[in-house]
Amino acid sequence: MTIKKELLEILACPACHGKIEHDEERDTLNCLDCKRIYPIKDDIPVMLVEEATMPPHSGDSKR
């Protein structure tokens, strides 16, 4: 799904109010500040904090 540029300009993360970016490869909306990943279901962005996921921490190394 292609997200219109105008929509991305007005969207903000509901958790931290940060800027949102569309990840076209994964078809998700990602917050550039808090890193939450919001799904797009049936071509509808789901901008609910409880539906968002967090990326795995790249700095965590369990040995």
N, C-alpha and C. Protein backbone atom coordinates (compact mmCIF):
# COMPACT_ATOMS: atom_id res chain seq x y z
N MET A 1 0.85 -1.18 0.00
CA MET A 1 0.00 0.00 0.00
C MET A 1 0.88 1.24 0.00
N THR A 2 0.52 2.21 -0.77
CA THR A 2 1.25 3.46 -0.79
C THR A 2 0.53 4.47 0.10
N ILE A 3 1.28 5.05 1.02
CA ILE A 3 0.73 6.07 1.90
C ILE A 3 0.99 7.43 1.26
N LYS A 4 -0.04 8.24 1.16
CA LYS A 4 0.12 9.57 0.56
C LYS A 4 1.02 10.44 1.42
N LYS A 5 1.83 11.22 0.74
CA LYS A 5 2.77 12.11 1.41
C LYS A 5 2.04 13.07 2.36
N GLU A 6 0.89 13.54 1.93
CA GLU A 6 0.10 14.48 2.75
C GLU A 6 -0.34 13.83 4.07
N LEU A 7 -0.68 12.54 4.00
CA LEU A 7 -1.09 11.84 5.22
C LEU A 7 0.09 11.67 6.16
N LEU A 8 1.24 11.29 5.63
CA LEU A 8 2.43 11.13 6.47
C LEU A 8 2.83 12.44 7.15
N GLU A 9 2.60 13.56 6.48
CA GLU A 9 2.97 14.86 7.04
C GLU A 9 2.12 15.22 8.25
N ILE A 10 0.88 14.73 8.31
CA ILE A 10 0.01 15.09 9.44
C ILE A 10 -0.04 14.02 10.52
N LEU A 11 0.40 12.80 10.20
CA LEU A 11 0.40 11.73 11.20
C LEU A 11 1.49 11.95 12.24
N ALA A 12 1.16 11.61 13.47
CA ALA A 12 2.15 11.65 14.55
C ALA A 12 1.94 10.41 15.41
N CYS A 13 2.99 9.96 16.03
CA CYS A 13 2.92 8.80 16.90
C CYS A 13 2.01 9.14 18.09
N PRO A 14 1.00 8.31 18.35
CA PRO A 14 0.12 8.61 19.48
C PRO A 14 0.81 8.45 20.84
N ALA A 15 1.92 7.75 20.90
CA ALA A 15 2.63 7.55 22.16
C ALA A 15 3.53 8.74 22.51
N CYS A 16 4.32 9.20 21.53
CA CYS A 16 5.30 10.25 21.84
C CYS A 16 5.16 11.50 20.96
N HIS A 17 4.24 11.46 20.01
CA HIS A 17 3.98 12.56 19.08
C HIS A 17 5.13 12.79 18.09
N GLY A 18 5.94 11.75 17.91
CA GLY A 18 7.06 11.82 16.97
C GLY A 18 6.63 11.67 15.52
N LYS A 19 7.55 11.93 14.64
CA LYS A 19 7.32 11.84 13.20
C LYS A 19 7.19 10.37 12.77
N ILE A 20 6.28 10.13 11.83
CA ILE A 20 6.00 8.79 11.32
C ILE A 20 6.59 8.63 9.92
N GLU A 21 7.14 7.44 9.68
CA GLU A 21 7.72 7.11 8.38
C GLU A 21 7.10 5.79 7.90
N HIS A 22 6.82 5.69 6.60
CA HIS A 22 6.25 4.47 6.03
C HIS A 22 7.38 3.54 5.60
N ASP A 23 7.37 2.32 6.13
CA ASP A 23 8.31 1.29 5.70
C ASP A 23 7.60 0.50 4.61
N GLU A 24 7.93 0.81 3.37
CA GLU A 24 7.23 0.20 2.23
C GLU A 24 7.50 -1.29 2.13
N GLU A 25 8.69 -1.73 2.49
CA GLU A 25 9.04 -3.15 2.42
C GLU A 25 8.17 -3.99 3.36
N ARG A 26 8.01 -3.51 4.59
CA ARG A 26 7.22 -4.24 5.59
C ARG A 26 5.78 -3.77 5.64
N ASP A 27 5.48 -2.67 4.96
CA ASP A 27 4.16 -2.04 4.95
C ASP A 27 3.68 -1.76 6.37
N THR A 28 4.52 -1.01 7.08
CA THR A 28 4.20 -0.56 8.43
C THR A 28 4.48 0.93 8.53
N LEU A 29 3.97 1.54 9.59
CA LEU A 29 4.28 2.93 9.89
C LEU A 29 5.17 2.92 11.12
N ASN A 30 6.32 3.56 11.02
CA ASN A 30 7.33 3.52 12.08
C ASN A 30 7.57 4.91 12.65
N CYS A 31 7.60 4.99 13.98
CA CYS A 31 7.92 6.25 14.64
C CYS A 31 9.43 6.42 14.65
N LEU A 32 9.88 7.57 14.20
CA LEU A 32 11.32 7.84 14.17
C LEU A 32 11.89 8.17 15.55
N ASP A 33 11.02 8.55 16.49
CA ASP A 33 11.49 8.92 17.83
C ASP A 33 11.50 7.73 18.80
N CYS A 34 10.34 7.16 19.07
CA CYS A 34 10.27 6.08 20.06
C CYS A 34 10.41 4.70 19.43
N LYS A 35 10.45 4.63 18.10
CA LYS A 35 10.70 3.39 17.34
C LYS A 35 9.53 2.41 17.32
N ARG A 36 8.34 2.82 17.80
CA ARG A 36 7.19 1.93 17.72
C ARG A 36 6.85 1.66 16.25
N ILE A 37 6.35 0.45 16.01
CA ILE A 37 5.98 0.03 14.66
C ILE A 37 4.48 -0.21 14.64
N TYR A 38 3.76 0.57 13.83
CA TYR A 38 2.31 0.46 13.75
C TYR A 38 1.93 -0.33 12.50
N PRO A 39 1.04 -1.31 12.66
CA PRO A 39 0.66 -2.13 11.51
C PRO A 39 -0.30 -1.42 10.57
N ILE A 40 -0.37 -1.91 9.36
CA ILE A 40 -1.38 -1.49 8.40
C ILE A 40 -2.17 -2.75 8.09
N LYS A 41 -3.46 -2.74 8.43
CA LYS A 41 -4.32 -3.91 8.23
C LYS A 41 -5.42 -3.57 7.24
N ASP A 42 -5.54 -4.37 6.21
CA ASP A 42 -6.55 -4.15 5.18
C ASP A 42 -6.47 -2.73 4.63
N ASP A 43 -5.25 -2.26 4.39
CA ASP A 43 -4.97 -0.92 3.85
C ASP A 43 -5.36 0.22 4.80
N ILE A 44 -5.53 -0.08 6.09
CA ILE A 44 -5.89 0.95 7.07
C ILE A 44 -4.79 1.01 8.13
N PRO A 45 -4.14 2.17 8.30
CA PRO A 45 -3.13 2.31 9.36
C PRO A 45 -3.80 2.17 10.73
N VAL A 46 -3.23 1.32 11.58
CA VAL A 46 -3.76 1.11 12.93
C VAL A 46 -2.83 1.87 13.89
N MET A 47 -3.23 3.09 14.20
CA MET A 47 -2.40 3.97 15.02
C MET A 47 -2.82 3.93 16.49
N LEU A 48 -2.85 2.72 17.04
CA LEU A 48 -3.17 2.52 18.45
C LEU A 48 -1.91 2.03 19.16
N VAL A 49 -1.58 2.65 20.27
CA VAL A 49 -0.36 2.29 21.01
C VAL A 49 -0.38 0.80 21.37
N GLU A 50 -1.54 0.29 21.77
CA GLU A 50 -1.61 -1.11 22.17
C GLU A 50 -1.46 -2.09 21.00
N GLU A 51 -1.58 -1.61 19.77
CA GLU A 51 -1.37 -2.46 18.59
C GLU A 51 0.07 -2.36 18.06
N ALA A 52 0.81 -1.40 18.54
CA ALA A 52 2.18 -1.19 18.06
C ALA A 52 3.12 -2.23 18.66
N THR A 53 4.20 -2.48 17.94
CA THR A 53 5.26 -3.34 18.45
C THR A 53 6.55 -2.53 18.54
N MET A 54 7.47 -3.04 19.31
CA MET A 54 8.78 -2.41 19.44
C MET A 54 9.79 -3.31 18.74
N PRO A 55 10.77 -2.71 18.05
CA PRO A 55 11.79 -3.54 17.41
C PRO A 55 12.68 -4.20 18.46
N PRO A 56 13.24 -5.35 18.13
CA PRO A 56 14.17 -5.97 19.08
C PRO A 56 15.38 -5.06 19.28
N HIS A 57 15.91 -5.06 20.49
CA HIS A 57 17.08 -4.22 20.79
C HIS A 57 18.31 -4.83 20.15
N SER A 58 18.93 -4.08 19.27
CA SER A 58 20.13 -4.59 18.58
C SER A 58 21.33 -4.66 19.52
N GLY A 59 21.30 -3.92 20.62
CA GLY A 59 22.43 -3.91 21.54
C GLY A 59 22.39 -5.03 22.56
N ASP A 60 21.27 -5.74 22.64
CA ASP A 60 21.17 -6.83 23.62
C ASP A 60 21.92 -8.05 23.13
N SER A 61 22.79 -8.57 23.95
CA SER A 61 23.49 -9.81 23.59
C SER A 61 23.51 -10.70 24.81
N LYS A 62 22.79 -11.80 24.71
CA LYS A 62 22.73 -12.74 25.82
C LYS A 62 23.72 -13.86 25.55
N ARG A 63 24.65 -14.04 26.46
CA ARG A 63 25.68 -15.06 26.28
C ARG A 63 25.56 -16.10 27.35
